[in-house]
């Protein structure tokens, strides 16, 4: 449990000072009652509310949440989970993309070494990571934007 104190109308993490006296923050957290904390102007910091599909980034800050301090973070979308080969292929089919179109796009890779590596990835990978460069490269060859690929990827995660 962490504590905050309200200073000039803003919640700040409490550093142990009350007036001229320094207190051991661990002792205060463990030993003081809620009434003693309130009398001293202290409050327990409530944890951040992170919605499903989001992850916190950076340092937290404190906001007033109905008279109590609450941690808040900047949020980003949760990274897309890898897909199994089955999920990827079913996702493509579900979205009207023939597997032969993917194979043709791989066949269209100009560099022979890159084309051979792409063929190995397509045929033998047991899972596919969304941000592997090959995903966007083949997606573009199929006329898909990164946002369309993300949407398809999300849908395929439940297949």
N, C-alpha and C. Protein backbone atom coordinates (compact mmCIF):
# COMPACT_ATOMS: atom_id res chain seq x y z
N UNK A 1 0.86 -1.17 0.00
CA UNK A 1 0.00 0.00 0.00
C UNK A 1 0.90 1.23 0.00
N UNK A 2 0.53 2.19 -0.81
CA UNK A 2 1.26 3.45 -0.86
C UNK A 2 0.31 4.56 -0.44
N UNK A 3 0.89 5.62 0.09
CA UNK A 3 0.09 6.73 0.61
C UNK A 3 0.34 8.00 -0.19
N UNK A 4 -0.69 8.85 -0.18
CA UNK A 4 -0.59 10.16 -0.83
C UNK A 4 -1.10 11.21 0.15
N UNK A 5 -0.66 12.44 -0.08
CA UNK A 5 -1.10 13.58 0.71
C UNK A 5 -1.56 14.65 -0.27
N UNK A 6 -2.60 15.37 0.11
CA UNK A 6 -3.10 16.42 -0.76
C UNK A 6 -2.35 17.72 -0.44
N UNK A 7 -1.73 18.27 -1.46
CA UNK A 7 -0.96 19.52 -1.33
C UNK A 7 -1.47 20.49 -2.39
N UNK A 8 -1.94 21.65 -1.94
CA UNK A 8 -2.44 22.67 -2.87
C UNK A 8 -3.50 22.11 -3.82
N UNK A 9 -4.36 21.26 -3.30
CA UNK A 9 -5.46 20.72 -4.10
C UNK A 9 -5.07 19.57 -5.01
N UNK A 10 -3.82 19.13 -4.96
CA UNK A 10 -3.35 18.03 -5.81
C UNK A 10 -2.83 16.88 -4.94
N UNK A 11 -3.09 15.65 -5.37
CA UNK A 11 -2.53 14.50 -4.66
C UNK A 11 -1.08 14.30 -5.07
N UNK A 12 -0.23 14.05 -4.07
CA UNK A 12 1.18 13.76 -4.31
C UNK A 12 1.55 12.54 -3.49
N UNK A 13 2.50 11.77 -4.00
CA UNK A 13 2.98 10.63 -3.22
C UNK A 13 3.60 11.16 -1.93
N UNK A 14 3.24 10.50 -0.84
CA UNK A 14 3.72 10.96 0.47
C UNK A 14 5.14 10.48 0.71
N UNK A 15 6.01 11.41 1.10
CA UNK A 15 7.42 11.09 1.32
C UNK A 15 7.78 10.87 2.79
N UNK A 16 6.80 10.91 3.68
CA UNK A 16 7.06 10.64 5.09
C UNK A 16 7.06 11.86 5.98
N UNK A 17 7.01 13.05 5.39
CA UNK A 17 7.04 14.27 6.21
C UNK A 17 5.62 14.72 6.53
N UNK A 18 5.39 15.00 7.81
CA UNK A 18 4.17 15.66 8.27
C UNK A 18 4.62 16.82 9.11
N UNK A 19 4.40 18.03 8.58
CA UNK A 19 4.90 19.20 9.30
C UNK A 19 6.42 19.13 9.37
N UNK A 20 6.95 19.20 10.59
CA UNK A 20 8.40 19.16 10.80
C UNK A 20 8.91 17.77 11.12
N UNK A 21 8.03 16.80 11.24
CA UNK A 21 8.42 15.45 11.66
C UNK A 21 8.46 14.49 10.48
N UNK A 22 9.51 13.69 10.44
CA UNK A 22 9.64 12.65 9.41
C UNK A 22 9.17 11.33 10.03
N UNK A 23 8.30 10.61 9.31
CA UNK A 23 7.76 9.34 9.78
C UNK A 23 8.24 8.22 8.88
N UNK A 24 8.39 7.05 9.46
CA UNK A 24 8.71 5.86 8.68
C UNK A 24 7.44 5.47 7.92
N UNK A 25 7.48 5.55 6.59
CA UNK A 25 6.26 5.32 5.81
C UNK A 25 5.73 3.90 5.99
N UNK A 26 6.60 2.92 6.14
CA UNK A 26 6.13 1.55 6.34
C UNK A 26 5.38 1.40 7.66
N UNK A 27 5.87 2.04 8.72
CA UNK A 27 5.18 1.97 10.01
C UNK A 27 3.81 2.63 9.92
N UNK A 28 3.74 3.77 9.25
CA UNK A 28 2.47 4.48 9.12
C UNK A 28 1.48 3.62 8.34
N UNK A 29 1.93 3.05 7.23
CA UNK A 29 1.05 2.24 6.41
C UNK A 29 0.51 1.03 7.18
N UNK A 30 1.35 0.42 7.99
CA UNK A 30 0.96 -0.80 8.70
C UNK A 30 0.21 -0.53 9.99
N UNK A 31 0.53 0.54 10.67
CA UNK A 31 0.06 0.73 12.04
C UNK A 31 -1.05 1.76 12.21
N UNK A 32 -1.17 2.70 11.32
CA UNK A 32 -2.16 3.74 11.50
C UNK A 32 -3.52 3.27 11.00
N UNK A 33 -4.54 3.65 11.71
CA UNK A 33 -5.92 3.31 11.31
C UNK A 33 -6.34 4.25 10.18
N UNK A 34 -7.41 3.90 9.47
CA UNK A 34 -7.92 4.81 8.44
C UNK A 34 -8.25 6.19 9.00
N UNK A 35 -8.77 6.25 10.22
CA UNK A 35 -9.11 7.55 10.82
C UNK A 35 -7.84 8.36 11.07
N UNK A 36 -6.76 7.71 11.55
CA UNK A 36 -5.49 8.41 11.79
C UNK A 36 -4.89 8.91 10.48
N UNK A 37 -5.00 8.11 9.43
CA UNK A 37 -4.51 8.54 8.13
C UNK A 37 -5.28 9.78 7.66
N UNK A 38 -6.61 9.72 7.79
CA UNK A 38 -7.44 10.84 7.36
C UNK A 38 -7.14 12.09 8.17
N UNK A 39 -6.97 11.95 9.49
CA UNK A 39 -6.65 13.10 10.34
C UNK A 39 -5.34 13.75 9.93
N UNK A 40 -4.40 12.94 9.42
CA UNK A 40 -3.10 13.47 9.00
C UNK A 40 -3.13 13.99 7.56
N UNK A 41 -4.29 13.86 6.90
CA UNK A 41 -4.39 14.31 5.51
C UNK A 41 -3.85 13.31 4.51
N UNK A 42 -3.70 12.06 4.96
CA UNK A 42 -3.16 11.01 4.09
C UNK A 42 -4.28 10.10 3.59
N UNK A 43 -4.02 9.46 2.46
CA UNK A 43 -4.99 8.50 1.91
C UNK A 43 -4.23 7.41 1.17
N UNK A 44 -4.81 6.23 1.17
CA UNK A 44 -4.23 5.10 0.44
C UNK A 44 -4.45 5.33 -1.06
N UNK A 45 -3.40 5.16 -1.83
CA UNK A 45 -3.49 5.33 -3.28
C UNK A 45 -4.21 4.12 -3.87
N UNK A 46 -5.27 4.38 -4.61
CA UNK A 46 -6.03 3.33 -5.27
C UNK A 46 -5.30 2.94 -6.56
N UNK A 47 -5.31 1.65 -6.89
CA UNK A 47 -4.60 1.22 -8.10
C UNK A 47 -5.26 1.74 -9.37
N UNK A 48 -4.47 1.83 -10.41
CA UNK A 48 -4.97 2.28 -11.71
C UNK A 48 -6.00 1.29 -12.25
N UNK A 49 -6.96 1.81 -12.96
CA UNK A 49 -7.96 0.98 -13.63
C UNK A 49 -7.51 0.81 -15.08
N UNK A 50 -7.11 -0.39 -15.43
CA UNK A 50 -6.61 -0.67 -16.78
C UNK A 50 -7.67 -1.49 -17.52
N UNK A 51 -8.28 -0.91 -18.55
CA UNK A 51 -9.32 -1.66 -19.26
C UNK A 51 -8.72 -2.82 -20.06
N UNK A 52 -9.53 -3.84 -20.31
CA UNK A 52 -9.05 -4.96 -21.12
C UNK A 52 -8.55 -4.48 -22.47
N UNK A 53 -7.48 -5.09 -22.93
CA UNK A 53 -6.92 -4.72 -24.23
C UNK A 53 -5.97 -3.55 -24.20
N UNK A 54 -5.73 -3.00 -23.01
CA UNK A 54 -4.81 -1.86 -22.87
C UNK A 54 -3.68 -2.23 -21.92
N UNK A 55 -2.54 -1.56 -22.06
CA UNK A 55 -1.42 -1.73 -21.15
C UNK A 55 -0.91 -0.34 -20.73
N UNK A 56 -0.47 -0.21 -19.47
CA UNK A 56 0.05 1.08 -19.02
C UNK A 56 1.44 1.34 -19.59
N UNK A 57 1.73 2.60 -19.85
CA UNK A 57 3.07 2.99 -20.30
C UNK A 57 3.53 4.20 -19.49
N UNK A 58 4.83 4.27 -19.28
CA UNK A 58 5.41 5.42 -18.59
C UNK A 58 5.15 5.40 -17.10
N UNK A 59 5.39 6.54 -16.48
CA UNK A 59 5.21 6.70 -15.05
C UNK A 59 3.76 7.04 -14.74
N UNK A 60 3.30 6.56 -13.61
CA UNK A 60 1.93 6.90 -13.21
C UNK A 60 1.90 8.30 -12.61
N UNK A 61 0.72 8.87 -12.62
CA UNK A 61 0.47 10.12 -11.90
C UNK A 61 -0.75 9.88 -11.03
N UNK A 62 -1.06 10.84 -10.17
CA UNK A 62 -2.20 10.70 -9.27
C UNK A 62 -3.29 11.68 -9.65
N UNK A 63 -4.53 11.22 -9.58
CA UNK A 63 -5.69 12.08 -9.81
C UNK A 63 -6.65 11.89 -8.65
N UNK A 64 -7.53 12.85 -8.47
CA UNK A 64 -8.55 12.75 -7.45
C UNK A 64 -9.72 11.92 -8.00
N UNK A 65 -10.06 10.87 -7.30
CA UNK A 65 -11.16 9.99 -7.71
C UNK A 65 -12.17 9.94 -6.58
N UNK A 66 -13.05 10.91 -6.56
CA UNK A 66 -14.06 10.96 -5.51
C UNK A 66 -13.47 11.21 -4.13
N UNK A 67 -12.44 12.01 -4.06
CA UNK A 67 -11.82 12.34 -2.78
C UNK A 67 -10.67 11.43 -2.38
N UNK A 68 -10.35 10.46 -3.22
CA UNK A 68 -9.23 9.55 -2.94
C UNK A 68 -8.25 9.61 -4.10
N UNK A 69 -6.97 9.43 -3.80
CA UNK A 69 -5.99 9.45 -4.88
C UNK A 69 -6.03 8.13 -5.67
N UNK A 70 -5.94 8.24 -6.98
CA UNK A 70 -5.89 7.05 -7.83
C UNK A 70 -4.75 7.21 -8.82
N UNK A 71 -4.01 6.12 -9.00
CA UNK A 71 -2.95 6.11 -10.01
C UNK A 71 -3.58 6.10 -11.40
N UNK A 72 -2.99 6.82 -12.32
CA UNK A 72 -3.40 6.78 -13.72
C UNK A 72 -2.14 6.68 -14.58
N UNK A 73 -2.28 6.05 -15.71
CA UNK A 73 -1.18 5.88 -16.66
C UNK A 73 -1.67 6.29 -18.04
N UNK A 74 -0.74 6.64 -18.89
CA UNK A 74 -1.04 6.69 -20.32
C UNK A 74 -1.25 5.23 -20.73
N UNK A 75 -2.16 5.00 -21.65
CA UNK A 75 -2.47 3.64 -22.06
C UNK A 75 -2.21 3.44 -23.54
N UNK A 76 -1.77 2.25 -23.87
CA UNK A 76 -1.60 1.85 -25.26
C UNK A 76 -2.38 0.56 -25.47
N UNK A 77 -2.66 0.27 -26.73
CA UNK A 77 -3.28 -1.01 -27.03
C UNK A 77 -2.32 -2.13 -26.67
N UNK A 78 -2.87 -3.19 -26.12
CA UNK A 78 -2.07 -4.36 -25.80
C UNK A 78 -1.51 -4.94 -27.09
N UNK A 79 -0.23 -5.35 -27.08
CA UNK A 79 0.33 -5.94 -28.31
C UNK A 79 -0.49 -7.16 -28.74
N UNK A 80 -0.62 -7.32 -30.03
CA UNK A 80 -1.38 -8.46 -30.54
C UNK A 80 -0.61 -9.75 -30.28
N UNK A 81 -1.32 -10.74 -29.78
CA UNK A 81 -0.69 -12.03 -29.48
C UNK A 81 -0.32 -12.74 -30.77
N UNK A 82 0.69 -13.60 -30.71
CA UNK A 82 1.03 -14.40 -31.90
C UNK A 82 -0.15 -15.29 -32.30
N UNK A 83 -0.20 -15.62 -33.58
CA UNK A 83 -1.20 -16.55 -34.10
C UNK A 83 -0.54 -17.88 -34.43
N UNK A 84 -1.27 -18.94 -34.23
CA UNK A 84 -0.79 -20.23 -34.72
C UNK A 84 -0.93 -20.24 -36.24
N UNK A 85 -0.26 -21.18 -36.88
CA UNK A 85 -0.38 -21.30 -38.33
C UNK A 85 -1.84 -21.54 -38.72
N UNK A 86 -2.54 -22.33 -37.94
CA UNK A 86 -3.96 -22.62 -38.19
C UNK A 86 -4.79 -21.34 -38.11
N UNK A 87 -4.59 -20.56 -37.04
CA UNK A 87 -5.35 -19.31 -36.87
C UNK A 87 -5.08 -18.35 -38.02
N UNK A 88 -3.83 -18.23 -38.42
CA UNK A 88 -3.47 -17.30 -39.50
C UNK A 88 -4.17 -17.71 -40.79
N UNK A 89 -4.07 -18.98 -41.13
CA UNK A 89 -4.67 -19.44 -42.38
C UNK A 89 -6.20 -19.34 -42.35
N UNK A 90 -6.82 -19.71 -41.25
CA UNK A 90 -8.28 -19.58 -41.15
C UNK A 90 -8.70 -18.11 -41.18
N UNK A 91 -7.89 -17.23 -40.57
CA UNK A 91 -8.18 -15.80 -40.61
C UNK A 91 -8.13 -15.25 -42.02
N UNK A 92 -7.16 -15.70 -42.79
CA UNK A 92 -7.09 -15.27 -44.19
C UNK A 92 -8.32 -15.74 -44.97
N UNK A 93 -8.64 -17.02 -44.83
CA UNK A 93 -9.79 -17.58 -45.54
C UNK A 93 -11.07 -16.87 -45.14
N UNK A 94 -11.24 -16.63 -43.83
CA UNK A 94 -12.44 -15.95 -43.32
C UNK A 94 -12.58 -14.56 -43.93
N UNK A 95 -11.46 -13.93 -44.24
CA UNK A 95 -11.47 -12.58 -44.81
C UNK A 95 -11.39 -12.58 -46.33
N UNK A 96 -11.65 -13.72 -46.94
CA UNK A 96 -11.73 -13.80 -48.39
C UNK A 96 -10.39 -13.81 -49.11
N UNK A 97 -9.33 -14.15 -48.41
CA UNK A 97 -8.01 -14.20 -49.03
C UNK A 97 -7.63 -15.67 -49.21
N UNK A 98 -7.44 -16.06 -50.45
CA UNK A 98 -7.09 -17.45 -50.75
C UNK A 98 -5.63 -17.70 -50.36
N UNK A 99 -5.38 -18.89 -49.86
CA UNK A 99 -4.00 -19.25 -49.49
C UNK A 99 -3.10 -19.21 -50.72
N UNK A 100 -3.65 -19.51 -51.89
CA UNK A 100 -2.86 -19.44 -53.12
C UNK A 100 -2.44 -18.00 -53.43
N UNK A 101 -3.24 -17.01 -52.98
CA UNK A 101 -2.85 -15.60 -53.16
C UNK A 101 -1.63 -15.28 -52.31
N UNK A 102 -1.59 -15.83 -51.10
CA UNK A 102 -0.42 -15.62 -50.23
C UNK A 102 0.81 -16.26 -50.87
N UNK A 103 0.64 -17.47 -51.38
CA UNK A 103 1.77 -18.16 -52.02
C UNK A 103 2.24 -17.39 -53.25
N UNK A 104 1.31 -16.81 -54.00
CA UNK A 104 1.69 -15.99 -55.16
C UNK A 104 2.44 -14.73 -54.72
N UNK A 105 1.99 -14.12 -53.61
CA UNK A 105 2.69 -12.93 -53.09
C UNK A 105 4.10 -13.28 -52.65
N UNK A 106 4.25 -14.44 -52.03
CA UNK A 106 5.60 -14.89 -51.62
C UNK A 106 6.44 -15.14 -52.87
N UNK A 107 5.85 -15.75 -53.89
CA UNK A 107 6.56 -15.99 -55.15
C UNK A 107 6.97 -14.71 -55.84
N UNK A 108 6.30 -13.61 -55.53
CA UNK A 108 6.62 -12.32 -56.13
C UNK A 108 7.72 -11.55 -55.43
N UNK A 109 8.24 -12.08 -54.31
CA UNK A 109 9.35 -11.42 -53.62
C UNK A 109 10.57 -11.47 -54.55
N UNK A 110 11.14 -10.31 -54.85
CA UNK A 110 12.21 -10.23 -55.85
C UNK A 110 13.50 -10.92 -55.45
N UNK A 111 13.98 -10.65 -54.25
CA UNK A 111 15.25 -11.22 -53.80
C UNK A 111 15.06 -12.72 -53.56
N UNK A 112 15.91 -13.52 -54.20
CA UNK A 112 15.77 -14.98 -54.12
C UNK A 112 15.92 -15.50 -52.69
N UNK A 113 16.87 -14.95 -51.93
CA UNK A 113 17.08 -15.39 -50.55
C UNK A 113 15.89 -15.01 -49.68
N UNK A 114 15.41 -13.78 -49.84
CA UNK A 114 14.23 -13.35 -49.07
C UNK A 114 13.00 -14.19 -49.43
N UNK A 115 12.86 -14.51 -50.72
CA UNK A 115 11.73 -15.32 -51.16
C UNK A 115 11.80 -16.72 -50.54
N UNK A 116 13.00 -17.31 -50.52
CA UNK A 116 13.16 -18.64 -49.94
C UNK A 116 12.87 -18.60 -48.44
N UNK A 117 13.34 -17.55 -47.76
CA UNK A 117 13.08 -17.41 -46.32
C UNK A 117 11.59 -17.23 -46.06
N UNK A 118 10.92 -16.43 -46.90
CA UNK A 118 9.49 -16.23 -46.75
C UNK A 118 8.73 -17.53 -46.96
N UNK A 119 9.17 -18.33 -47.91
CA UNK A 119 8.52 -19.62 -48.17
C UNK A 119 8.67 -20.54 -46.97
N UNK A 120 9.86 -20.56 -46.36
CA UNK A 120 10.08 -21.38 -45.15
C UNK A 120 9.17 -20.89 -44.02
N UNK A 121 9.11 -19.57 -43.82
CA UNK A 121 8.24 -19.01 -42.77
C UNK A 121 6.79 -19.45 -43.00
N UNK A 122 6.31 -19.31 -44.23
CA UNK A 122 4.91 -19.63 -44.54
C UNK A 122 4.63 -21.12 -44.33
N UNK A 123 5.54 -21.97 -44.77
CA UNK A 123 5.28 -23.41 -44.72
C UNK A 123 5.55 -24.03 -43.36
N UNK A 124 6.54 -23.51 -42.62
CA UNK A 124 6.99 -24.24 -41.43
C UNK A 124 6.84 -23.52 -40.09
N UNK A 125 6.53 -22.24 -40.12
CA UNK A 125 6.39 -21.54 -38.83
C UNK A 125 5.19 -22.11 -38.07
N UNK A 126 5.38 -22.35 -36.78
CA UNK A 126 4.27 -22.85 -35.96
C UNK A 126 3.45 -21.68 -35.39
N UNK A 127 4.07 -20.51 -35.32
CA UNK A 127 3.32 -19.32 -34.91
C UNK A 127 3.85 -18.12 -35.67
N UNK A 128 2.97 -17.12 -35.79
CA UNK A 128 3.29 -15.91 -36.53
C UNK A 128 3.14 -14.71 -35.60
N UNK A 129 4.13 -13.83 -35.63
CA UNK A 129 4.16 -12.63 -34.79
C UNK A 129 3.73 -11.46 -35.66
N UNK A 130 2.78 -10.68 -35.18
CA UNK A 130 2.19 -9.61 -35.99
C UNK A 130 3.23 -8.65 -36.56
N UNK A 131 4.22 -8.27 -35.80
CA UNK A 131 5.13 -7.24 -36.28
C UNK A 131 6.39 -7.78 -36.95
N UNK A 132 6.34 -9.03 -37.37
CA UNK A 132 7.42 -9.57 -38.21
C UNK A 132 7.33 -8.84 -39.56
N UNK A 133 8.45 -8.37 -40.10
CA UNK A 133 8.40 -7.58 -41.35
C UNK A 133 7.69 -8.30 -42.50
N UNK A 134 7.77 -9.60 -42.54
CA UNK A 134 7.15 -10.35 -43.62
C UNK A 134 5.62 -10.19 -43.63
N UNK A 135 5.02 -10.03 -42.46
CA UNK A 135 3.56 -9.89 -42.38
C UNK A 135 3.11 -8.64 -43.14
N UNK A 136 3.74 -7.50 -42.89
CA UNK A 136 3.37 -6.27 -43.60
C UNK A 136 3.74 -6.34 -45.08
N UNK A 137 4.87 -6.98 -45.38
CA UNK A 137 5.31 -7.08 -46.78
C UNK A 137 4.31 -7.89 -47.61
N UNK A 138 3.93 -9.04 -47.12
CA UNK A 138 2.97 -9.87 -47.86
C UNK A 138 1.58 -9.23 -47.81
N UNK A 139 1.24 -8.62 -46.68
CA UNK A 139 -0.04 -7.91 -46.59
C UNK A 139 -0.15 -6.83 -47.64
N UNK A 140 0.91 -6.04 -47.80
CA UNK A 140 0.90 -4.97 -48.81
C UNK A 140 0.75 -5.56 -50.21
N UNK A 141 1.44 -6.68 -50.47
CA UNK A 141 1.32 -7.33 -51.77
C UNK A 141 -0.11 -7.81 -52.03
N UNK A 142 -0.84 -8.08 -50.95
CA UNK A 142 -2.24 -8.50 -51.07
C UNK A 142 -3.20 -7.31 -51.05
N UNK A 143 -2.65 -6.08 -50.98
CA UNK A 143 -3.47 -4.88 -50.98
C UNK A 143 -4.04 -4.50 -49.62
N UNK A 144 -3.42 -4.99 -48.55
CA UNK A 144 -3.91 -4.72 -47.20
C UNK A 144 -3.08 -3.63 -46.52
N UNK A 145 -3.76 -2.76 -45.79
CA UNK A 145 -3.06 -1.75 -44.99
C UNK A 145 -2.68 -2.38 -43.65
N UNK A 146 -1.73 -1.79 -42.92
CA UNK A 146 -1.42 -2.30 -41.58
C UNK A 146 -2.64 -2.33 -40.66
N UNK A 147 -3.52 -1.34 -40.76
CA UNK A 147 -4.72 -1.33 -39.92
C UNK A 147 -5.65 -2.49 -40.28
N UNK A 148 -5.78 -2.80 -41.56
CA UNK A 148 -6.59 -3.95 -41.96
C UNK A 148 -5.98 -5.26 -41.45
N UNK A 149 -4.66 -5.35 -41.51
CA UNK A 149 -3.98 -6.54 -41.00
C UNK A 149 -4.24 -6.68 -39.50
N UNK A 150 -4.14 -5.56 -38.76
CA UNK A 150 -4.41 -5.60 -37.31
C UNK A 150 -5.82 -6.10 -37.03
N UNK A 151 -6.79 -5.60 -37.77
CA UNK A 151 -8.18 -6.01 -37.57
C UNK A 151 -8.36 -7.50 -37.86
N UNK A 152 -7.77 -7.95 -38.94
CA UNK A 152 -7.86 -9.38 -39.27
C UNK A 152 -7.15 -10.22 -38.19
N UNK A 153 -6.02 -9.73 -37.72
CA UNK A 153 -5.24 -10.44 -36.71
C UNK A 153 -6.05 -10.60 -35.44
N UNK A 154 -6.71 -9.52 -35.02
CA UNK A 154 -7.54 -9.58 -33.82
C UNK A 154 -8.66 -10.60 -33.97
N UNK A 155 -9.28 -10.62 -35.15
CA UNK A 155 -10.35 -11.57 -35.39
C UNK A 155 -9.85 -13.00 -35.39
N UNK A 156 -8.66 -13.22 -35.92
CA UNK A 156 -8.12 -14.57 -36.01
C UNK A 156 -7.70 -15.12 -34.64
N UNK A 157 -7.48 -14.25 -33.67
CA UNK A 157 -7.06 -14.72 -32.34
C UNK A 157 -8.12 -15.59 -31.69
N UNK A 158 -9.37 -15.45 -32.09
CA UNK A 158 -10.43 -16.26 -31.47
C UNK A 158 -10.76 -17.50 -32.29
N UNK A 159 -10.06 -17.72 -33.38
CA UNK A 159 -10.34 -18.91 -34.21
C UNK A 159 -9.65 -20.15 -33.66
